[in-house]
Amino acid sequence: MNINYKGTHASLSENDQNYIEDKINGLGRLVKPADNVFVEVQMDAKHKSGLVFRLEISINPPQFYAEARGNDFYEALDLVIPKIKEQLAKQKDKKVSLRRRKKSLKELE
């Protein structure tokens, strides 16, 4: 899997990138090795409540997208991972159900 990072008004250290990779690798079989993963981290310093981090993850080619905001980078990442995982699991469940349905129809014939 290809992971591309972009920091807008924020810099990503090597440790941050490794932390993101560990979290995305935790998605396991839901992300294919050929998929491109785009991660963007944005820091908004002019927000009324102080610093706010926005983290978005986009997985292509199946076109999955999730975004979350948090008070720090780690909070935003911990909020966005379940969102993207839910989308990936839903798509996988649909494929498995369709495959099983087709198999059971063939057996009835």
PDB file of N, CA and C in Angstrom:
ATOM      1  N   MET A   1       0.846  -1.162   0.000  1.00  0.00           N
ATOM      2  CA  MET A   1       0.000   0.000   0.000  1.00  0.00           C
ATOM      3  C   MET A   1       0.894   1.229   0.000  1.00  0.00           C
ATOM      4  N   ASN A   2       0.487   2.199  -0.777  1.00  0.00           N
ATOM      5  CA  ASN A   2       1.213   3.464  -0.907  1.00  0.00           C
ATOM      6  C   ASN A   2       0.591   4.489   0.040  1.00  0.00           C
ATOM      7  N   ILE A   3       1.349   5.044   0.935  1.00  0.00           N
ATOM      8  CA  ILE A   3       0.823   6.064   1.843  1.00  0.00           C
ATOM      9  C   ILE A   3       1.496   7.385   1.513  1.00  0.00           C
ATOM     10  N   ASN A   4       0.693   8.380   1.173  1.00  0.00           N
ATOM     11  CA  ASN A   4       1.177   9.723   0.857  1.00  0.00           C
ATOM     12  C   ASN A   4       0.725  10.670   1.957  1.00  0.00           C
ATOM     13  N   TYR A   5       1.649  11.504   2.429  1.00  0.00           N
ATOM     14  CA  TYR A   5       1.367  12.422   3.529  1.00  0.00           C
ATOM     15  C   TYR A   5       1.380  13.857   3.030  1.00  0.00           C
ATOM     16  N   LYS A   6       0.510  14.658   3.630  1.00  0.00           N
ATOM     17  CA  LYS A   6       0.508  16.089   3.335  1.00  0.00           C
ATOM     18  C   LYS A   6       0.217  16.818   4.645  1.00  0.00           C
ATOM     19  N   GLY A   7       1.041  17.780   4.980  1.00  0.00           N
ATOM     20  CA  GLY A   7       0.830  18.583   6.176  1.00  0.00           C
ATOM     21  C   GLY A   7       0.545  20.020   5.781  1.00  0.00           C
ATOM     22  N   THR A   8      -0.620  20.530   6.147  1.00  0.00           N
ATOM     23  CA  THR A   8      -0.992  21.905   5.864  1.00  0.00           C
ATOM     24  C   THR A   8      -0.905  22.688   7.166  1.00  0.00           C
ATOM     25  N   HIS A   9       0.010  23.631   7.234  1.00  0.00           N
ATOM     26  CA  HIS A   9       0.273  24.414   8.440  1.00  0.00           C
ATOM     27  C   HIS A   9       0.719  23.522   9.599  1.00  0.00           C
ATOM     28  N   ALA A  10       1.199  22.334   9.278  1.00  0.00           N
ATOM     29  CA  ALA A  10       1.694  21.408  10.294  1.00  0.00           C
ATOM     30  C   ALA A  10       2.777  20.549   9.645  1.00  0.00           C
ATOM     31  N   SER A  11       3.725  20.143  10.434  1.00  0.00           N
ATOM     32  CA  SER A  11       4.765  19.269   9.911  1.00  0.00           C
ATOM     33  C   SER A  11       4.604  17.889  10.543  1.00  0.00           C
ATOM     34  N   LEU A  12       4.848  16.872   9.740  1.00  0.00           N
ATOM     35  CA  LEU A  12       4.753  15.501  10.218  1.00  0.00           C
ATOM     36  C   LEU A  12       6.163  14.949  10.412  1.00  0.00           C
ATOM     37  N   SER A  13       6.461  14.565  11.626  1.00  0.00           N
ATOM     38  CA  SER A  13       7.772  13.984  11.905  1.00  0.00           C
ATOM     39  C   SER A  13       7.778  12.516  11.489  1.00  0.00           C
ATOM     40  N   GLU A  14       8.924  11.915  11.533  1.00  0.00           N
ATOM     41  CA  GLU A  14       9.056  10.491  11.203  1.00  0.00           C
ATOM     42  C   GLU A  14       8.232   9.636  12.165  1.00  0.00           C
ATOM     43  N   ASN A  15       8.193  10.027  13.451  1.00  0.00           N
ATOM     44  CA  ASN A  15       7.405   9.289  14.438  1.00  0.00           C
ATOM     45  C   ASN A  15       5.915   9.374  14.131  1.00  0.00           C
ATOM     46  N   ASP A  16       5.457  10.557  13.710  1.00  0.00           N
ATOM     47  CA  ASP A  16       4.048  10.720  13.355  1.00  0.00           C
ATOM     48  C   ASP A  16       3.692   9.846  12.161  1.00  0.00           C
ATOM     49  N   GLN A  17       4.565   9.812  11.171  1.00  0.00           N
ATOM     50  CA  GLN A  17       4.314   8.990   9.987  1.00  0.00           C
ATOM     51  C   GLN A  17       4.298   7.509  10.344  1.00  0.00           C
ATOM     52  N   ASN A  18       5.192   7.081  11.229  1.00  0.00           N
ATOM     53  CA  ASN A  18       5.198   5.684  11.668  1.00  0.00           C
ATOM     54  C   ASN A  18       3.932   5.347  12.448  1.00  0.00           C
ATOM     55  N   TYR A  19       3.456   6.284  13.254  1.00  0.00           N
ATOM     56  CA  TYR A  19       2.233   6.070  14.025  1.00  0.00           C
ATOM     57  C   TYR A  19       1.039   5.920  13.084  1.00  0.00           C
ATOM     58  N   ILE A  20       0.984   6.754  12.047  1.00  0.00           N
ATOM     59  CA  ILE A  20      -0.095   6.662  11.059  1.00  0.00           C
ATOM     60  C   ILE A  20      -0.026   5.318  10.341  1.00  0.00           C
ATOM     61  N   GLU A  21       1.162   4.898   9.939  1.00  0.00           N
ATOM     62  CA  GLU A  21       1.327   3.616   9.245  1.00  0.00           C
ATOM     63  C   GLU A  21       0.871   2.456  10.122  1.00  0.00           C
ATOM     64  N   ASP A  22       1.205   2.490  11.417  1.00  0.00           N
ATOM     65  CA  ASP A  22       0.771   1.428  12.324  1.00  0.00           C
ATOM     66  C   ASP A  22      -0.751   1.368  12.412  1.00  0.00           C
ATOM     67  N   LYS A  23      -1.381   2.525  12.492  1.00  0.00           N
ATOM     68  CA  LYS A  23      -2.839   2.567  12.582  1.00  0.00           C
ATOM     69  C   LYS A  23      -3.488   2.061  11.292  1.00  0.00           C
ATOM     70  N   ILE A  24      -2.950   2.451  10.149  1.00  0.00           N
ATOM     71  CA  ILE A  24      -3.522   2.023   8.876  1.00  0.00           C
ATOM     72  C   ILE A  24      -3.244   0.540   8.641  1.00  0.00           C
ATOM     73  N   ASN A  25      -2.069   0.064   9.035  1.00  0.00           N
ATOM     74  CA  ASN A  25      -1.782  -1.362   8.924  1.00  0.00           C
ATOM     75  C   ASN A  25      -2.679  -2.181   9.838  1.00  0.00           C
ATOM     76  N   GLY A  26      -3.202  -1.569  10.878  1.00  0.00           N
ATOM     77  CA  GLY A  26      -4.139  -2.241  11.775  1.00  0.00           C
ATOM     78  C   GLY A  26      -5.474  -2.541  11.113  1.00  0.00           C
ATOM     79  N   LEU A  27      -5.731  -1.916   9.972  1.00  0.00           N
ATOM     80  CA  LEU A  27      -6.965  -2.201   9.249  1.00  0.00           C
ATOM     81  C   LEU A  27      -6.927  -3.582   8.606  1.00  0.00           C
ATOM     82  N   GLY A  28      -5.735  -4.167   8.560  1.00  0.00           N
ATOM     83  CA  GLY A  28      -5.586  -5.560   8.142  1.00  0.00           C
ATOM     84  C   GLY A  28      -5.961  -5.825   6.707  1.00  0.00           C
ATOM     85  N   ARG A  29      -6.822  -6.785   6.526  1.00  0.00           N
ATOM     86  CA  ARG A  29      -7.176  -7.247   5.185  1.00  0.00           C
ATOM     87  C   ARG A  29      -8.139  -6.317   4.469  1.00  0.00           C
ATOM     88  N   LEU A  30      -8.570  -5.269   5.103  1.00  0.00           N
ATOM     89  CA  LEU A  30      -9.525  -4.365   4.476  1.00  0.00           C
ATOM     90  C   LEU A  30      -8.878  -3.449   3.444  1.00  0.00           C
ATOM     91  N   VAL A  31      -7.576  -3.192   3.607  1.00  0.00           N
ATOM     92  CA  VAL A  31      -6.848  -2.343   2.668  1.00  0.00           C
ATOM     93  C   VAL A  31      -5.943  -3.237   1.825  1.00  0.00           C
ATOM     94  N   LYS A  32      -6.083  -3.139   0.520  1.00  0.00           N
ATOM     95  CA  LYS A  32      -5.297  -3.972  -0.388  1.00  0.00           C
ATOM     96  C   LYS A  32      -3.900  -3.376  -0.574  1.00  0.00           C
ATOM     97  N   PRO A  33      -2.921  -4.197  -0.904  1.00  0.00           N
ATOM     98  CA  PRO A  33      -1.565  -3.675  -1.129  1.00  0.00           C
ATOM     99  C   PRO A  33      -1.475  -2.700  -2.300  1.00  0.00           C
ATOM    100  N   ALA A  34      -2.381  -2.802  -3.257  1.00  0.00           N
ATOM    101  CA  ALA A  34      -2.343  -1.926  -4.433  1.00  0.00           C
ATOM    102  C   ALA A  34      -3.039  -0.586  -4.192  1.00  0.00           C
ATOM    103  N   ASP A  35      -3.691  -0.416  -3.054  1.00  0.00           N
ATOM    104  CA  ASP A  35      -4.434   0.820  -2.770  1.00  0.00           C
ATOM    105  C   ASP A  35      -3.482   1.966  -2.440  1.00  0.00           C
ATOM    106  N   ASN A  36      -3.889   3.162  -2.834  1.00  0.00           N
ATOM    107  CA  ASN A  36      -3.166   4.383  -2.476  1.00  0.00           C
ATOM    108  C   ASN A  36      -3.903   5.042  -1.321  1.00  0.00           C
ATOM    109  N   VAL A  37      -3.178   5.360  -0.276  1.00  0.00           N
ATOM    110  CA  VAL A  37      -3.762   6.005   0.900  1.00  0.00           C
ATOM    111  C   VAL A  37      -3.182   7.411   0.997  1.00  0.00           C
ATOM    112  N   PHE A  38      -4.067   8.404   1.031  1.00  0.00           N
ATOM    113  CA  PHE A  38      -3.652   9.793   1.158  1.00  0.00           C
ATOM    114  C   PHE A  38      -4.064  10.293   2.538  1.00  0.00           C
ATOM    115  N   VAL A  39      -3.100  10.815   3.279  1.00  0.00           N
ATOM    116  CA  VAL A  39      -3.336  11.327   4.624  1.00  0.00           C
ATOM    117  C   VAL A  39      -2.971  12.807   4.630  1.00  0.00           C
ATOM    118  N   GLU A  40      -3.934  13.640   5.041  1.00  0.00           N
ATOM    119  CA  GLU A  40      -3.659  15.068   5.146  1.00  0.00           C
ATOM    120  C   GLU A  40      -3.908  15.518   6.576  1.00  0.00           C
ATOM    121  N   VAL A  41      -2.942  16.228   7.121  1.00  0.00           N
ATOM    122  CA  VAL A  41      -3.048  16.790   8.469  1.00  0.00           C
ATOM    123  C   VAL A  41      -3.011  18.305   8.341  1.00  0.00           C
ATOM    124  N   GLN A  42      -4.003  18.946   8.931  1.00  0.00           N
ATOM    125  CA  GLN A  42      -4.065  20.403   8.877  1.00  0.00           C
ATOM    126  C   GLN A  42      -4.220  20.942  10.296  1.00  0.00           C
ATOM    127  N   MET A  43      -3.444  21.957  10.606  1.00  0.00           N
ATOM    128  CA  MET A  43      -3.534  22.602  11.906  1.00  0.00           C
ATOM    129  C   MET A  43      -4.148  23.976  11.716  1.00  0.00           C
ATOM    130  N   ASP A  44      -5.234  24.237  12.440  1.00  0.00           N
ATOM    131  CA  ASP A  44      -5.922  25.517  12.362  1.00  0.00           C
ATOM    132  C   ASP A  44      -5.652  26.285  13.648  1.00  0.00           C
ATOM    133  N   ALA A  45      -4.780  27.280  13.579  1.00  0.00           N
ATOM    134  CA  ALA A  45      -4.385  28.029  14.774  1.00  0.00           C
ATOM    135  C   ALA A  45      -5.350  29.160  15.093  1.00  0.00           C
ATOM    136  N   LYS A  46      -6.194  29.522  14.151  1.00  0.00           N
ATOM    137  CA  LYS A  46      -7.083  30.656  14.360  1.00  0.00           C
ATOM    138  C   LYS A  46      -8.499  30.230  14.748  1.00  0.00           C
ATOM    139  N   HIS A  47      -8.653  29.021  15.207  1.00  0.00           N
ATOM    140  CA  HIS A  47      -9.955  28.547  15.640  1.00  0.00           C
ATOM    141  C   HIS A  47     -10.304  29.187  16.974  1.00  0.00           C
ATOM    142  N   LYS A  48     -11.589  29.408  17.227  1.00  0.00           N
ATOM    143  CA  LYS A  48     -12.009  30.124  18.440  1.00  0.00           C
ATOM    144  C   LYS A  48     -11.631  29.409  19.737  1.00  0.00           C
ATOM    145  N   SER A  49     -11.449  28.093  19.683  1.00  0.00           N
ATOM    146  CA  SER A  49     -11.101  27.367  20.901  1.00  0.00           C
ATOM    147  C   SER A  49      -9.623  27.004  20.954  1.00  0.00           C
ATOM    148  N   GLY A  50      -8.802  27.629  20.142  1.00  0.00           N
ATOM    149  CA  GLY A  50      -7.372  27.355  20.155  1.00  0.00           C
ATOM    150  C   GLY A  50      -6.958  26.485  18.988  1.00  0.00           C
ATOM    151  N   LEU A  51      -5.928  25.688  19.177  1.00  0.00           N
ATOM    152  CA  LEU A  51      -5.448  24.808  18.111  1.00  0.00           C
ATOM    153  C   LEU A  51      -6.431  23.675  17.853  1.00  0.00           C
ATOM    154  N   VAL A  52      -6.707  23.442  16.591  1.00  0.00           N
ATOM    155  CA  VAL A  52      -7.557  22.328  16.191  1.00  0.00           C
ATOM    156  C   VAL A  52      -6.859  21.612  15.037  1.00  0.00           C
ATOM    157  N   PHE A  53      -6.765  20.310  15.145  1.00  0.00           N
ATOM    158  CA  PHE A  53      -6.160  19.502  14.089  1.00  0.00           C
ATOM    159  C   PHE A  53      -7.269  18.819  13.295  1.00  0.00           C
ATOM    160  N   ARG A  54      -7.136  18.866  11.973  1.00  0.00           N
ATOM    161  CA  ARG A  54      -8.059  18.168  11.083  1.00  0.00           C
ATOM    162  C   ARG A  54      -7.241  17.126  10.349  1.00  0.00           C
ATOM    163  N   LEU A  55      -7.705  15.892  10.377  1.00  0.00           N
ATOM    164  CA  LEU A  55      -7.005  14.808   9.711  1.00  0.00           C
ATOM    165  C   LEU A  55      -7.984  14.123   8.776  1.00  0.00           C
ATOM    166  N   GLU A  56      -7.581  13.962   7.537  1.00  0.00           N
ATOM    167  CA  GLU A  56      -8.436  13.255   6.582  1.00  0.00           C
ATOM    168  C   GLU A  56      -7.655  12.129   5.932  1.00  0.00           C
ATOM    169  N   ILE A  57      -8.367  11.042   5.684  1.00  0.00           N
ATOM    170  CA  ILE A  57      -7.796   9.877   5.023  1.00  0.00           C
ATOM    171  C   ILE A  57      -8.643   9.567   3.807  1.00  0.00           C
ATOM    172  N   SER A  58      -7.977   9.375   2.698  1.00  0.00           N
ATOM    173  CA  SER A  58      -8.647   9.017   1.449  1.00  0.00           C
ATOM    174  C   SER A  58      -7.956   7.776   0.895  1.00  0.00           C
ATOM    175  N   ILE A  59      -8.749   6.753   0.571  1.00  0.00           N
ATOM    176  CA  ILE A  59      -8.208   5.511   0.033  1.00  0.00           C
ATOM    177  C   ILE A  59      -8.731   5.351  -1.386  1.00  0.00           C
ATOM    178  N   ASN A  60      -7.803   5.232  -2.324  1.00  0.00           N
ATOM    179  CA  ASN A  60      -8.166   5.063  -3.728  1.00  0.00           C
ATOM    180  C   ASN A  60      -7.587   3.755  -4.221  1.00  0.00           C
ATOM    181  N   PRO A  61      -8.159   3.053  -5.152  1.00  0.00           N
ATOM    182  CA  PRO A  61      -9.219   3.370  -6.083  1.00  0.00           C
ATOM    183  C   PRO A  61     -10.641   3.187  -5.588  1.00  0.00           C
ATOM    184  N   PRO A  62     -10.962   2.491  -4.493  1.00  0.00           N
ATOM    185  CA  PRO A  62     -12.391   2.351  -4.186  1.00  0.00           C
ATOM    186  C   PRO A  62     -13.067   3.639  -3.707  1.00  0.00           C
ATOM    187  N   GLN A  63     -12.324   4.724  -3.551  1.00  0.00           N
ATOM    188  CA  GLN A  63     -12.873   6.035  -3.192  1.00  0.00           C
ATOM    189  C   GLN A  63     -13.536   6.064  -1.805  1.00  0.00           C
ATOM    190  N   PHE A  64     -12.764   5.793  -0.779  1.00  0.00           N
ATOM    191  CA  PHE A  64     -13.229   5.943   0.593  1.00  0.00           C
ATOM    192  C   PHE A  64     -12.616   7.206   1.170  1.00  0.00           C
ATOM    193  N   TYR A  65     -13.398   7.909   2.003  1.00  0.00           N
ATOM    194  CA  TYR A  65     -12.942   9.181   2.550  1.00  0.00           C
ATOM    195  C   TYR A  65     -13.495   9.340   3.961  1.00  0.00           C
ATOM    196  N   ALA A  66     -12.653   9.788   4.871  1.00  0.00           N
ATOM    197  CA  ALA A  66     -13.087  10.080   6.234  1.00  0.00           C
ATOM    198  C   ALA A  66     -12.288  11.265   6.751  1.00  0.00           C
ATOM    199  N   GLU A  67     -12.940  12.051   7.592  1.00  0.00           N
ATOM    200  CA  GLU A  67     -12.318  13.251   8.144  1.00  0.00           C
ATOM    201  C   GLU A  67     -12.728  13.387   9.603  1.00  0.00           C
ATOM    202  N   ALA A  68     -11.809  13.878  10.428  1.00  0.00           N
ATOM    203  CA  ALA A  68     -12.102  14.094  11.842  1.00  0.00           C
ATOM    204  C   ALA A  68     -11.288  15.277  12.349  1.00  0.00           C
ATOM    205  N   ARG A  69     -11.811  15.913  13.378  1.00  0.00           N
ATOM    206  CA  ARG A  69     -11.129  17.038  14.013  1.00  0.00           C
ATOM    207  C   ARG A  69     -10.901  16.701  15.488  1.00  0.00           C
ATOM    208  N   GLY A  70      -9.760  17.161  15.994  1.00  0.00           N
ATOM    209  CA  GLY A  70      -9.436  16.912  17.386  1.00  0.00           C
ATOM    210  C   GLY A  70      -8.541  18.000  17.936  1.00  0.00           C
ATOM    211  N   ASN A  71      -8.361  18.000  19.240  1.00  0.00           N
ATOM    212  CA  ASN A  71      -7.522  19.001  19.895  1.00  0.00           C
ATOM    213  C   ASN A  71      -6.043  18.781  19.630  1.00  0.00           C
ATOM    214  N   ASP A  72      -5.670  17.553  19.316  1.00  0.00           N
ATOM    215  CA  ASP A  72      -4.288  17.268  18.919  1.00  0.00           C
ATOM    216  C   ASP A  72      -4.295  16.217  17.809  1.00  0.00           C
ATOM    217  N   PHE A  73      -3.126  15.974  17.263  1.00  0.00           N
ATOM    218  CA  PHE A  73      -2.971  15.065  16.128  1.00  0.00           C
ATOM    219  C   PHE A  73      -3.454  13.659  16.457  1.00  0.00           C
ATOM    220  N   TYR A  74      -3.098  13.150  17.629  1.00  0.00           N
ATOM    221  CA  TYR A  74      -3.417  11.781  17.996  1.00  0.00           C
ATOM    222  C   TYR A  74      -4.918  11.594  18.211  1.00  0.00           C
ATOM    223  N   GLU A  75      -5.569  12.591  18.774  1.00  0.00           N
ATOM    224  CA  GLU A  75      -7.015  12.511  18.966  1.00  0.00           C
ATOM    225  C   GLU A  75      -7.737  12.472  17.621  1.00  0.00           C
ATOM    226  N   ALA A  76      -7.309  13.312  16.690  1.00  0.00           N
ATOM    227  CA  ALA A  76      -7.921  13.330  15.364  1.00  0.00           C
ATOM    228  C   ALA A  76      -7.719  11.992  14.654  1.00  0.00           C
ATOM    229  N   LEU A  77      -6.525  11.416  14.779  1.00  0.00           N
ATOM    230  CA  LEU A  77      -6.255  10.123  14.141  1.00  0.00           C
ATOM    231  C   LEU A  77      -7.104   9.021  14.760  1.00  0.00           C
ATOM    232  N   ASP A  78      -7.226   9.033  16.087  1.00  0.00           N
ATOM    233  CA  ASP A  78      -8.036   8.020  16.759  1.00  0.00           C
ATOM    234  C   ASP A  78      -9.518   8.153  16.423  1.00  0.00           C
ATOM    235  N   LEU A  79      -9.963   9.330  16.033  1.00  0.00           N
ATOM    236  CA  LEU A  79     -11.358   9.516  15.637  1.00  0.00           C
ATOM    237  C   LEU A  79     -11.612   9.135  14.183  1.00  0.00           C
ATOM    238  N   VAL A  80     -10.624   9.308  13.318  1.00  0.00           N
ATOM    239  CA  VAL A  80     -10.827   9.053  11.891  1.00  0.00           C
ATOM    240  C   VAL A  80     -10.678   7.572  11.533  1.00  0.00           C
ATOM    241  N   ILE A  81      -9.859   6.824  12.243  1.00  0.00           N
ATOM    242  CA  ILE A  81      -9.631   5.413  11.917  1.00  0.00           C
ATOM    243  C   ILE A  81     -10.919   4.584  11.999  1.00  0.00           C
ATOM    244  N   PRO A  82     -11.751   4.702  13.046  1.00  0.00           N
ATOM    245  CA  PRO A  82     -12.998   3.912  13.050  1.00  0.00           C
ATOM    246  C   PRO A  82     -13.954   4.284  11.915  1.00  0.00           C
ATOM    247  N   LYS A  83     -13.939   5.540  11.499  1.00  0.00           N
ATOM    248  CA  LYS A  83     -14.812   5.958  10.402  1.00  0.00           C
ATOM    249  C   LYS A  83     -14.431   5.269   9.101  1.00  0.00           C
ATOM    250  N   ILE A  84     -13.142   5.260   8.799  1.00  0.00           N
ATOM    251  CA  ILE A  84     -12.687   4.638   7.554  1.00  0.00           C
ATOM    252  C   ILE A  84     -12.813   3.120   7.640  1.00  0.00           C
ATOM    253  N   LYS A  85     -12.588   2.564   8.831  1.00  0.00           N
ATOM    254  CA  LYS A  85     -12.706   1.119   9.018  1.00  0.00           C
ATOM    255  C   LYS A  85     -14.148   0.665   8.802  1.00  0.00           C
ATOM    256  N   GLU A  86     -15.096   1.453   9.247  1.00  0.00           N
ATOM    257  CA  GLU A  86     -16.509   1.123   9.062  1.00  0.00           C
ATOM    258  C   GLU A  86     -16.873   1.073   7.576  1.00  0.00           C
ATOM    259  N   GLN A  87     -16.371   2.030   6.805  1.00  0.00           N
ATOM    260  CA  GLN A  87     -16.650   2.048   5.374  1.00  0.00           C
ATOM    261  C   GLN A  87     -16.041   0.834   4.677  1.00  0.00           C
ATOM    262  N   LEU A  88     -14.798   0.512   5.028  1.00  0.00           N
ATOM    263  CA  LEU A  88     -14.121  -0.628   4.410  1.00  0.00           C
ATOM    264  C   LEU A  88     -14.804  -1.945   4.774  1.00  0.00           C
ATOM    265  N   ALA A  89     -15.212  -2.099   6.028  1.00  0.00           N
ATOM    266  CA  ALA A  89     -15.873  -3.325   6.464  1.00  0.00           C
ATOM    267  C   ALA A  89     -17.237  -3.478   5.787  1.00  0.00           C
ATOM    268  N   LYS A  90     -17.939  -2.393   5.622  1.00  0.00           N
ATOM    269  CA  LYS A  90     -19.245  -2.440   4.966  1.00  0.00           C
ATOM    270  C   LYS A  90     -19.100  -2.914   3.527  1.00  0.00           C
ATOM    271  N   GLN A  91     -18.101  -2.400   2.820  1.00  0.00           N
ATOM    272  CA  GLN A  91     -17.882  -2.809   1.440  1.00  0.00           C
ATOM    273  C   GLN A  91     -17.482  -4.283   1.367  1.00  0.00           C
ATOM    274  N   LYS A  92     -16.636  -4.728   2.274  1.00  0.00           N
ATOM    275  CA  LYS A  92     -16.209  -6.125   2.273  1.00  0.00           C
ATOM    276  C   LYS A  92     -17.399  -7.041   2.559  1.00  0.00           C
ATOM    277  N   ASP A  93     -18.242  -6.663   3.522  1.00  0.00           N
ATOM    278  CA  ASP A  93     -19.416  -7.471   3.838  1.00  0.00           C
ATOM    279  C   ASP A  93     -20.356  -7.584   2.646  1.00  0.00           C
ATOM    280  N   LYS A  94     -20.509  -6.502   1.895  1.00  0.00           N
ATOM    281  CA  LYS A  94     -21.359  -6.540   0.707  1.00  0.00           C
ATOM    282  C   LYS A  94     -20.813  -7.519  -0.327  1.00  0.00           C
ATOM    283  N   LYS A  95     -19.503  -7.476  -0.547  1.00  0.00           N
ATOM    284  CA  LYS A  95     -18.883  -8.381  -1.521  1.00  0.00           C
ATOM    285  C   LYS A  95     -19.032  -9.836  -1.096  1.00  0.00           C
ATOM    286  N   VAL A  96     -18.807 -10.119   0.186  1.00  0.00           N
ATOM    287  CA  VAL A  96     -18.906 -11.491   0.682  1.00  0.00           C
ATOM    288  C   VAL A  96     -20.344 -11.981   0.581  1.00  0.00           C
ATOM    289  N   SER A  97     -21.306 -11.149   0.942  1.00  0.00           N
ATOM    290  CA  SER A  97     -22.715 -11.533   0.869  1.00  0.00           C
ATOM    291  C   SER A  97     -23.128 -11.823  -0.565  1.00  0.00           C
ATOM    292  N   LEU A  98     -22.689 -10.986  -1.483  1.00  0.00           N
ATOM    293  CA  LEU A  98     -23.020 -11.191  -2.891  1.00  0.00           C
ATOM    294  C   LEU A  98     -22.403 -12.493  -3.411  1.00  0.00           C
ATOM    295  N   ARG A  99     -21.161 -12.752  -3.037  1.00  0.00           N
ATOM    296  CA  ARG A  99     -20.495 -13.977  -3.464  1.00  0.00           C
ATOM    297  C   ARG A  99     -21.221 -15.206  -2.918  1.00  0.00           C
ATOM    298  N   ARG A 100     -21.627 -15.159  -1.658  1.00  0.00           N
ATOM    299  CA  ARG A 100     -22.340 -16.290  -1.054  1.00  0.00           C
ATOM    300  C   ARG A 100     -23.716 -16.474  -1.684  1.00  0.00           C
ATOM    301  N   ARG A 101     -24.377 -15.371  -1.988  1.00  0.00           N
ATOM    302  CA  ARG A 101     -25.692 -15.433  -2.607  1.00  0.00           C
ATOM    303  C   ARG A 101     -25.598 -16.082  -3.992  1.00  0.00           C
ATOM    304  N   LYS A 102     -24.581 -15.695  -4.764  1.00  0.00           N
ATOM    305  CA  LYS A 102     -24.400 -16.276  -6.093  1.00  0.00           C
ATOM    306  C   LYS A 102     -24.089 -17.765  -5.990  1.00  0.00           C
ATOM    307  N   LYS A 103     -23.293 -18.146  -5.003  1.00  0.00           N
ATOM    308  CA  LYS A 103     -22.935 -19.553  -4.823  1.00  0.00           C
ATOM    309  C   LYS A 103     -24.167 -20.376  -4.467  1.00  0.00           C
ATOM    310  N   SER A 104     -25.022 -19.853  -3.593  1.00  0.00           N
ATOM    311  CA  SER A 104     -26.218 -20.605  -3.190  1.00  0.00           C
ATOM    312  C   SER A 104     -27.212 -20.715  -4.344  1.00  0.00           C
ATOM    313  N   LEU A 105     -27.274 -19.714  -5.215  1.00  0.00           N
ATOM    314  CA  LEU A 105     -28.146 -19.792  -6.382  1.00  0.00           C
ATOM    315  C   LEU A 105     -27.670 -20.845  -7.369  1.00  0.00           C
ATOM    316  N   LYS A 106     -26.351 -20.970  -7.527  1.00  0.00           N
ATOM    317  CA  LYS A 106     -25.807 -21.991  -8.418  1.00  0.00           C
ATOM    318  C   LYS A 106     -26.100 -23.387  -7.907  1.00  0.00           C
ATOM    319  N   GLU A 107     -26.077 -23.547  -6.577  1.00  0.00           N
ATOM    320  CA  GLU A 107     -26.336 -24.862  -6.005  1.00  0.00           C
ATOM    321  C   GLU A 107     -27.799 -25.267  -6.158  1.00  0.00           C
ATOM    322  N   LEU A 108     -28.699 -24.300  -6.202  1.00  0.00           N
ATOM    323  CA  LEU A 108     -30.115 -24.592  -6.366  1.00  0.00           C
ATOM    324  C   LEU A 108     -30.451 -25.028  -7.783  1.00  0.00           C
ATOM    325  N   GLU A 109     -29.661 -24.626  -8.737  1.00  0.00           N
ATOM    326  CA  GLU A 109     -29.948 -24.956 -10.140  1.00  0.00           C
ATOM    327  C   GLU A 109     -29.650 -26.385 -10.460  1.00  0.00           C
TER     328      GLU A 109
END
